[in-house]
Every structure is written in structure tokens, then in C-alpha cells.
PDB file of N, CA and C in Angstrom:
ATOM      1  N   UNK A   1      11.295 139.713 119.150  1.00  0.00           N
ATOM      2  CA  UNK A   1      11.827 138.778 118.106  1.00  0.00           C
ATOM      3  C   UNK A   1      13.506 138.291 118.590  1.00  0.00           C
ATOM      4  N   UNK A   2      13.698 136.938 118.264  1.00  0.00           N
ATOM      5  CA  UNK A   2      15.129 136.959 118.380  1.00  0.00           C
ATOM      6  C   UNK A   2      16.405 136.772 117.269  1.00  0.00           C
ATOM      7  N   UNK A   3      17.275 136.797 117.603  1.00  0.00           N
ATOM      8  CA  UNK A   3      18.024 136.942 116.536  1.00  0.00           C
ATOM      9  C   UNK A   3      17.914 135.740 115.445  1.00  0.00           C
ATOM     10  N   UNK A   4      17.795 134.451 116.206  1.00  0.00           N
ATOM     11  CA  UNK A   4      17.447 133.139 115.205  1.00  0.00           C
ATOM     12  C   UNK A   4      16.243 133.416 114.296  1.00  0.00           C
ATOM     13  N   UNK A   5      15.467 134.416 114.638  1.00  0.00           N
ATOM     14  CA  UNK A   5      13.951 134.602 113.709  1.00  0.00           C
ATOM     15  C   UNK A   5      14.451 135.496 112.674  1.00  0.00           C
ATOM     16  N   UNK A   6      15.320 136.520 112.995  1.00  0.00           N
ATOM     17  CA  UNK A   6      15.745 137.512 112.007  1.00  0.00           C
ATOM     18  C   UNK A   6      16.400 136.608 110.981  1.00  0.00           C
ATOM     19  N   UNK A   7      17.498 135.998 111.382  1.00  0.00           N
ATOM     20  CA  UNK A   7      18.126 134.915 110.303  1.00  0.00           C
ATOM     21  C   UNK A   7      17.455 134.052 109.493  1.00  0.00           C
ATOM     22  N   UNK A   8      16.456 133.501 109.967  1.00  0.00           N
ATOM     23  CA  UNK A   8      15.313 132.969 109.394  1.00  0.00           C
ATOM     24  C   UNK A   8      14.705 133.383 108.316  1.00  0.00           C
ATOM     25  N   UNK A   9      14.123 134.958 108.887  1.00  0.00           N
ATOM     26  CA  UNK A   9      13.662 135.599 107.957  1.00  0.00           C
ATOM     27  C   UNK A   9      14.273 135.943 106.821  1.00  0.00           C
ATOM     28  N   UNK A  10      15.413 136.643 107.324  1.00  0.00           N
ATOM     29  CA  UNK A  10      16.741 136.650 105.985  1.00  0.00           C
ATOM     30  C   UNK A  10      16.777 135.476 104.796  1.00  0.00           C
ATOM     31  N   UNK A  11      17.325 134.597 105.232  1.00  0.00           N
ATOM     32  CA  UNK A  11      17.293 133.328 104.499  1.00  0.00           C
ATOM     33  C   UNK A  11      16.148 133.127 103.651  1.00  0.00           C
ATOM     34  N   UNK A  12      14.975 132.981 104.272  1.00  0.00           N
ATOM     35  CA  UNK A  12      13.457 132.994 103.455  1.00  0.00           C
ATOM     36  C   UNK A  12      13.315 134.137 102.575  1.00  0.00           C
ATOM     37  N   UNK A  13      13.692 135.512 102.527  1.00  0.00           N
ATOM     38  CA  UNK A  13      13.827 136.403 101.996  1.00  0.00           C
ATOM     39  C   UNK A  13      14.443 136.564 100.813  1.00  0.00           C
ATOM     40  N   UNK A  14      15.957 136.480 101.282  1.00  0.00           N
ATOM     41  CA  UNK A  14      17.017 136.126 100.365  1.00  0.00           C
ATOM     42  C   UNK A  14      17.832 134.985 100.141  1.00  0.00           C
ATOM     43  N   UNK A  15      17.244 133.978  99.555  1.00  0.00           N
ATOM     44  CA  UNK A  15      18.142 132.607  99.878  1.00  0.00           C
ATOM     45  C   UNK A  15      19.751 132.934  99.054  1.00  0.00           C
ATOM     46  N   UNK A  16      19.465 133.737  97.838  1.00  0.00           N
ATOM     47  CA  UNK A  16      20.488 133.938  97.067  1.00  0.00           C
ATOM     48  C   UNK A  16      21.643 134.398  97.997  1.00  0.00           C
ATOM     49  N   UNK A  17      21.225 135.371  98.593  1.00  0.00           N
ATOM     50  CA  UNK A  17      22.376 136.208  99.652  1.00  0.00           C
ATOM     51  C   UNK A  17      23.001 135.556 100.562  1.00  0.00           C
ATOM     52  N   UNK A  18      21.959 134.397 101.247  1.00  0.00           N
ATOM     53  CA  UNK A  18      22.542 133.560 102.376  1.00  0.00           C
ATOM     54  C   UNK A  18      23.333 132.449 101.497  1.00  0.00           C
ATOM     55  N   UNK A  19      23.374 131.984 100.214  1.00  0.00           N
ATOM     56  CA  UNK A  19      24.237 131.091  99.711  1.00  0.00           C
ATOM     57  C   UNK A  19      25.551 131.682  99.638  1.00  0.00           C
ATOM     58  N   UNK A  20      25.240 132.934  99.051  1.00  0.00           N
ATOM     59  CA  UNK A  20      26.510 133.698  98.902  1.00  0.00           C
ATOM     60  C   UNK A  20      27.254 133.826 100.065  1.00  0.00           C
ATOM     61  N   UNK A  21      26.907 134.430 101.474  1.00  0.00           N
ATOM     62  CA  UNK A  21      27.271 134.335 102.467  1.00  0.00           C
ATOM     63  C   UNK A  21      27.890 133.153 103.272  1.00  0.00           C
ATOM     64  N   UNK A  22      27.153 132.433 102.943  1.00  0.00           N
ATOM     65  CA  UNK A  22      28.002 130.733 103.256  1.00  0.00           C
ATOM     66  C   UNK A  22      29.094 130.435 102.676  1.00  0.00           C
ATOM     67  N   UNK A  23      29.193 130.820 101.018  1.00  0.00           N
ATOM     68  CA  UNK A  23      29.970 130.569 100.306  1.00  0.00           C
ATOM     69  C   UNK A  23      31.182 131.490 100.846  1.00  0.00           C
ATOM     70  N   UNK A  24      30.940 132.723 101.028  1.00  0.00           N
ATOM     71  CA  UNK A  24      32.174 133.797 101.183  1.00  0.00           C
ATOM     72  C   UNK A  24      32.770 133.372 102.663  1.00  0.00           C
ATOM     73  N   UNK A  25      32.118 132.583 103.650  1.00  0.00           N
ATOM     74  CA  UNK A  25      32.609 132.454 105.175  1.00  0.00           C
ATOM     75  C   UNK A  25      32.980 130.863 104.968  1.00  0.00           C
ATOM     76  N   UNK A  26      33.074 129.834 103.940  1.00  0.00           N
ATOM     77  CA  UNK A  26      33.945 128.827 103.896  1.00  0.00           C
ATOM     78  C   UNK A  26      35.044 129.215 103.120  1.00  0.00           C
ATOM     79  N   UNK A  27      35.118 130.280 102.085  1.00  0.00           N
ATOM     80  CA  UNK A  27      36.250 130.652 101.622  1.00  0.00           C
ATOM     81  C   UNK A  27      37.277 131.419 102.726  1.00  0.00           C
ATOM     82  N   UNK A  28      36.611 132.371 103.452  1.00  0.00           N
ATOM     83  CA  UNK A  28      37.355 132.691 104.533  1.00  0.00           C
ATOM     84  C   UNK A  28      37.976 131.916 105.519  1.00  0.00           C
ATOM     85  N   UNK A  29      37.101 130.966 105.740  1.00  0.00           N
ATOM     86  CA  UNK A  29      37.524 129.714 106.484  1.00  0.00           C
ATOM     87  C   UNK A  29      38.715 128.805 106.131  1.00  0.00           C
ATOM     88  N   UNK A  30      38.505 128.683 104.863  1.00  0.00           N
ATOM     89  CA  UNK A  30      39.963 127.850 104.462  1.00  0.00           C
ATOM     90  C   UNK A  30      41.053 128.714 103.673  1.00  0.00           C
ATOM     91  N   UNK A  31      41.200 129.802 104.183  1.00  0.00           N
ATOM     92  CA  UNK A  31      42.400 130.798 104.371  1.00  0.00           C
ATOM     93  C   UNK A  31      43.245 130.549 105.131  1.00  0.00           C
ATOM     94  N   UNK A  32      42.881 129.545 106.316  1.00  0.00           N
ATOM     95  CA  UNK A  32      43.633 129.320 107.522  1.00  0.00           C
ATOM     96  C   UNK A  32      44.870 128.538 107.018  1.00  0.00           C
ATOM     97  N   UNK A  33      46.060 128.770 107.805  1.00  0.00           N
ATOM     98  CA  UNK A  33      47.176 128.170 107.267  1.00  0.00           C
ATOM     99  C   UNK A  33      47.228 126.627 107.784  1.00  0.00           C
ATOM    100  N   UNK A  34      46.595 126.105 108.201  1.00  0.00           N
ATOM    101  CA  UNK A  34      46.192 124.894 108.404  1.00  0.00           C
ATOM    102  C   UNK A  34      45.638 123.987 107.118  1.00  0.00           C
ATOM    103  N   UNK A  35      44.517 124.646 106.604  1.00  0.00           N
ATOM    104  CA  UNK A  35      44.073 124.210 105.280  1.00  0.00           C
ATOM    105  C   UNK A  35      45.098 123.693 104.441  1.00  0.00           C
ATOM    106  N   UNK A  36      45.787 124.231 103.498  1.00  0.00           N
ATOM    107  CA  UNK A  36      46.828 123.492 102.734  1.00  0.00           C
ATOM    108  C   UNK A  36      47.511 122.362 103.357  1.00  0.00           C
ATOM    109  N   UNK A  37      47.563 122.185 104.469  1.00  0.00           N
ATOM    110  CA  UNK A  37      48.534 121.270 104.986  1.00  0.00           C
ATOM    111  C   UNK A  37      47.665 119.879 104.721  1.00  0.00           C
ATOM    112  N   UNK A  38      46.381 120.282 104.830  1.00  0.00           N
ATOM    113  CA  UNK A  38      45.288 118.947 105.098  1.00  0.00           C
ATOM    114  C   UNK A  38      44.608 118.481 103.657  1.00  0.00           C
ATOM    115  N   UNK A  39      45.318 119.083 102.486  1.00  0.00           N
ATOM    116  CA  UNK A  39      44.869 118.663 101.267  1.00  0.00           C
ATOM    117  C   UNK A  39      45.321 117.121 100.623  1.00  0.00           C
ATOM    118  N   UNK A  40      46.754 117.039 101.290  1.00  0.00           N
ATOM    119  CA  UNK A  40      47.079 115.764 100.447  1.00  0.00           C
ATOM    120  C   UNK A  40      46.500 114.731 101.549  1.00  0.00           C
ATOM    121  N   UNK A  41      45.750 114.991 102.573  1.00  0.00           N
ATOM    122  CA  UNK A  41      45.204 114.075 103.256  1.00  0.00           C
ATOM    123  C   UNK A  41      43.796 113.695 103.191  1.00  0.00           C
ATOM    124  N   UNK A  42      42.899 114.643 102.436  1.00  0.00           N
ATOM    125  CA  UNK A  42      41.839 114.650 102.008  1.00  0.00           C
ATOM    126  C   UNK A  42      41.890 113.990 100.621  1.00  0.00           C
ATOM    127  N   UNK A  43      43.029 114.238  99.958  1.00  0.00           N
ATOM    128  CA  UNK A  43      42.722 113.289  98.478  1.00  0.00           C
ATOM    129  C   UNK A  43      43.161 111.939  98.686  1.00  0.00           C
ATOM    130  N   UNK A  44      43.985 111.601  99.761  1.00  0.00           N
ATOM    131  CA  UNK A  44      44.171 110.188  99.936  1.00  0.00           C
ATOM    132  C   UNK A  44      42.760 109.466 100.370  1.00  0.00           C
ATOM    133  N   UNK A  45      41.815 110.022 101.179  1.00  0.00           N
ATOM    134  CA  UNK A  45      40.583 109.926 101.629  1.00  0.00           C
ATOM    135  C   UNK A  45      39.736 109.639 100.500  1.00  0.00           C
ATOM    136  N   UNK A  46      39.541 110.343  99.615  1.00  0.00           N
ATOM    137  CA  UNK A  46      38.887 110.467  98.238  1.00  0.00           C
ATOM    138  C   UNK A  46      39.205 109.387  97.610  1.00  0.00           C
ATOM    139  N   UNK A  47      40.537 109.098  97.425  1.00  0.00           N
ATOM    140  CA  UNK A  47      40.905 108.106  96.520  1.00  0.00           C
ATOM    141  C   UNK A  47      40.814 106.603  96.910  1.00  0.00           C
ATOM    142  N   UNK A  48      40.563 106.753  98.294  1.00  0.00           N
ATOM    143  CA  UNK A  48      40.103 105.349  99.036  1.00  0.00           C
ATOM    144  C   UNK A  48      41.208 104.570  98.531  1.00  0.00           C
ATOM    145  N   UNK A  49      41.055 103.356  99.279  1.00  0.00           N
ATOM    146  CA  UNK A  49      41.903 102.237  99.074  1.00  0.00           C
ATOM    147  C   UNK A  49      41.269 101.148  98.406  1.00  0.00           C
ATOM    148  N   UNK A  50      42.163  99.869  97.640  1.00  0.00           N
ATOM    149  CA  UNK A  50      41.148  98.941  97.054  1.00  0.00           C
ATOM    150  C   UNK A  50      40.692  98.057  98.060  1.00  0.00           C
ATOM    151  N   UNK A  51      39.746  97.388  97.648  1.00  0.00           N
ATOM    152  CA  UNK A  51      39.184  96.239  98.938  1.00  0.00           C
ATOM    153  C   UNK A  51      39.626  95.085  98.166  1.00  0.00           C
ATOM    154  N   UNK A  52      39.754  94.109  99.094  1.00  0.00           N
ATOM    155  CA  UNK A  52      40.178  92.812  98.853  1.00  0.00           C
ATOM    156  C   UNK A  52      38.770  91.860  99.019  1.00  0.00           C
ATOM    157  N   UNK A  53      38.505  91.209  98.059  1.00  0.00           N
ATOM    158  CA  UNK A  53      37.338  90.062  98.679  1.00  0.00           C
ATOM    159  C   UNK A  53      38.021  88.944  98.390  1.00  0.00           C
ATOM    160  N   UNK A  54      36.962  88.002  99.005  1.00  0.00           N
ATOM    161  CA  UNK A  54      37.730  86.575  98.618  1.00  0.00           C
ATOM    162  C   UNK A  54      37.607  85.864 100.099  1.00  0.00           C
TER     163      UNK A  54
END
């Protein structure tokens, strides 16, 4: 049995724990010093730009 097979079984048996692990990994990865610097860029992308039709 390979590592990936074990992961598949764990996710199948404990989906809530798998979600929690992925969420925690996202929180840890967002603690990088580079992330706060990109927040304004993301907000600008979400805000979008007006489209001109005509």
C-alpha cells in the first residue's frame, strides 16, 4: 500500500479531519511575510475594472 492510498483512506474515513488539516495548512501558509503585501493586489483584482461598451 502506497502513501497515496493511505491518504485516500484517511480522507474517505475522516472527511472533517481532512478539511480541518487543509484549512490549517492554508492558515499556516498565509502566515508568510509575502502574503500581506499581496492583499492590495487581490482586492484590486476582485474589484475589477469598468467595462466600456459601444
